[in-house]
């Protein structure tokens, strides 16, 4: 994922910081415990496409 793009992205729910997980190709919001997919280097920042993180996954 492009580093410059990652720096300006924010969680659409809380407007907080997102962490990029290169293993799963997801942007993770720890506060809301959701993960947004990154498909072909394009982040899908739709709340409806976000995956809820389990307690174990929420660092």
C-alpha atoms as a PDB file:
ATOM      1  CA  UNK A   1       0.000   0.000   0.000  1.00  0.00           C
ATOM      2  CA  UNK A   2       1.216   3.485  -0.845  1.00  0.00           C
ATOM      3  CA  UNK A   3       2.773   5.080   2.261  1.00  0.00           C
ATOM      4  CA  UNK A   4       1.637   8.610   1.344  1.00  0.00           C
ATOM      5  CA  UNK A   5      -1.951   7.452   0.968  1.00  0.00           C
ATOM      6  CA  UNK A   6      -1.830   5.558   4.263  1.00  0.00           C
ATOM      7  CA  UNK A   7      -0.645   8.706   6.066  1.00  0.00           C
ATOM      8  CA  UNK A   8      -3.744  10.705   5.065  1.00  0.00           C
ATOM      9  CA  UNK A   9      -6.385   8.010   5.584  1.00  0.00           C
ATOM     10  CA  UNK A  10      -8.530   7.965   8.715  1.00  0.00           C
ATOM     11  CA  UNK A  11     -11.231   5.673  10.019  1.00  0.00           C
ATOM     12  CA  UNK A  12     -14.556   6.813   8.556  1.00  0.00           C
ATOM     13  CA  UNK A  13     -16.320   5.981  11.837  1.00  0.00           C
ATOM     14  CA  UNK A  14     -14.156   7.704  14.473  1.00  0.00           C
ATOM     15  CA  UNK A  15     -11.694   9.637  12.259  1.00  0.00           C
ATOM     16  CA  UNK A  16      -8.849   7.907  14.107  1.00  0.00           C
ATOM     17  CA  UNK A  17      -5.567   6.432  12.982  1.00  0.00           C
ATOM     18  CA  UNK A  18      -5.463   3.249  10.911  1.00  0.00           C
ATOM     19  CA  UNK A  19      -2.784   0.578  11.057  1.00  0.00           C
ATOM     20  CA  UNK A  20      -1.897  -1.373   7.920  1.00  0.00           C
ATOM     21  CA  UNK A  21      -1.622  -5.139   8.287  1.00  0.00           C
ATOM     22  CA  UNK A  22       0.357  -6.347   5.278  1.00  0.00           C
ATOM     23  CA  UNK A  23      -0.357 -10.013   6.066  1.00  0.00           C
ATOM     24  CA  UNK A  24      -4.130  -9.605   5.710  1.00  0.00           C
ATOM     25  CA  UNK A  25      -4.059  -6.534   3.425  1.00  0.00           C
ATOM     26  CA  UNK A  26      -6.331  -4.594   5.772  1.00  0.00           C
ATOM     27  CA  UNK A  27      -6.408  -1.211   7.443  1.00  0.00           C
ATOM     28  CA  UNK A  28      -7.246  -1.665  11.110  1.00  0.00           C
ATOM     29  CA  UNK A  29      -8.927   0.746  13.503  1.00  0.00           C
ATOM     30  CA  UNK A  30      -8.099  -0.417  17.016  1.00  0.00           C
ATOM     31  CA  UNK A  31     -10.586   1.951  18.648  1.00  0.00           C
ATOM     32  CA  UNK A  32     -13.624   0.682  16.699  1.00  0.00           C
ATOM     33  CA  UNK A  33     -12.179  -2.840  16.301  1.00  0.00           C
ATOM     34  CA  UNK A  34     -12.831  -3.010  12.555  1.00  0.00           C
ATOM     35  CA  UNK A  35     -10.688  -3.848   9.535  1.00  0.00           C
ATOM     36  CA  UNK A  36     -11.120  -2.316   6.085  1.00  0.00           C
ATOM     37  CA  UNK A  37      -9.939  -4.384   3.111  1.00  0.00           C
ATOM     38  CA  UNK A  38      -7.271  -3.177   0.700  1.00  0.00           C
ATOM     39  CA  UNK A  39      -7.943  -4.602  -2.757  1.00  0.00           C
ATOM     40  CA  UNK A  40      -5.321  -4.137  -5.489  1.00  0.00           C
ATOM     41  CA  UNK A  41      -3.716  -1.348  -3.381  1.00  0.00           C
ATOM     42  CA  UNK A  42      -7.059   0.470  -3.120  1.00  0.00           C
ATOM     43  CA  UNK A  43      -8.478   0.848   0.393  1.00  0.00           C
ATOM     44  CA  UNK A  44     -12.209   0.146   0.615  1.00  0.00           C
ATOM     45  CA  UNK A  45     -13.211   2.629   3.318  1.00  0.00           C
ATOM     46  CA  UNK A  46     -16.902   1.757   3.516  1.00  0.00           C
ATOM     47  CA  UNK A  47     -18.363   0.912   6.905  1.00  0.00           C
ATOM     48  CA  UNK A  48     -20.530  -1.720   5.236  1.00  0.00           C
ATOM     49  CA  UNK A  49     -17.402  -3.521   3.931  1.00  0.00           C
ATOM     50  CA  UNK A  50     -15.525  -3.393   7.245  1.00  0.00           C
ATOM     51  CA  UNK A  51     -14.897  -6.611   9.099  1.00  0.00           C
ATOM     52  CA  UNK A  52     -15.436  -6.726  12.874  1.00  0.00           C
ATOM     53  CA  UNK A  53     -12.323  -7.815  14.724  1.00  0.00           C
ATOM     54  CA  UNK A  54     -12.479 -10.489  17.372  1.00  0.00           C
ATOM     55  CA  UNK A  55     -11.156  -9.744  20.852  1.00  0.00           C
ATOM     56  CA  UNK A  56      -7.983 -11.708  20.030  1.00  0.00           C
ATOM     57  CA  UNK A  57      -7.381  -9.703  16.840  1.00  0.00           C
ATOM     58  CA  UNK A  58      -7.852  -6.310  18.475  1.00  0.00           C
ATOM     59  CA  UNK A  59      -4.222  -5.914  19.536  1.00  0.00           C
END
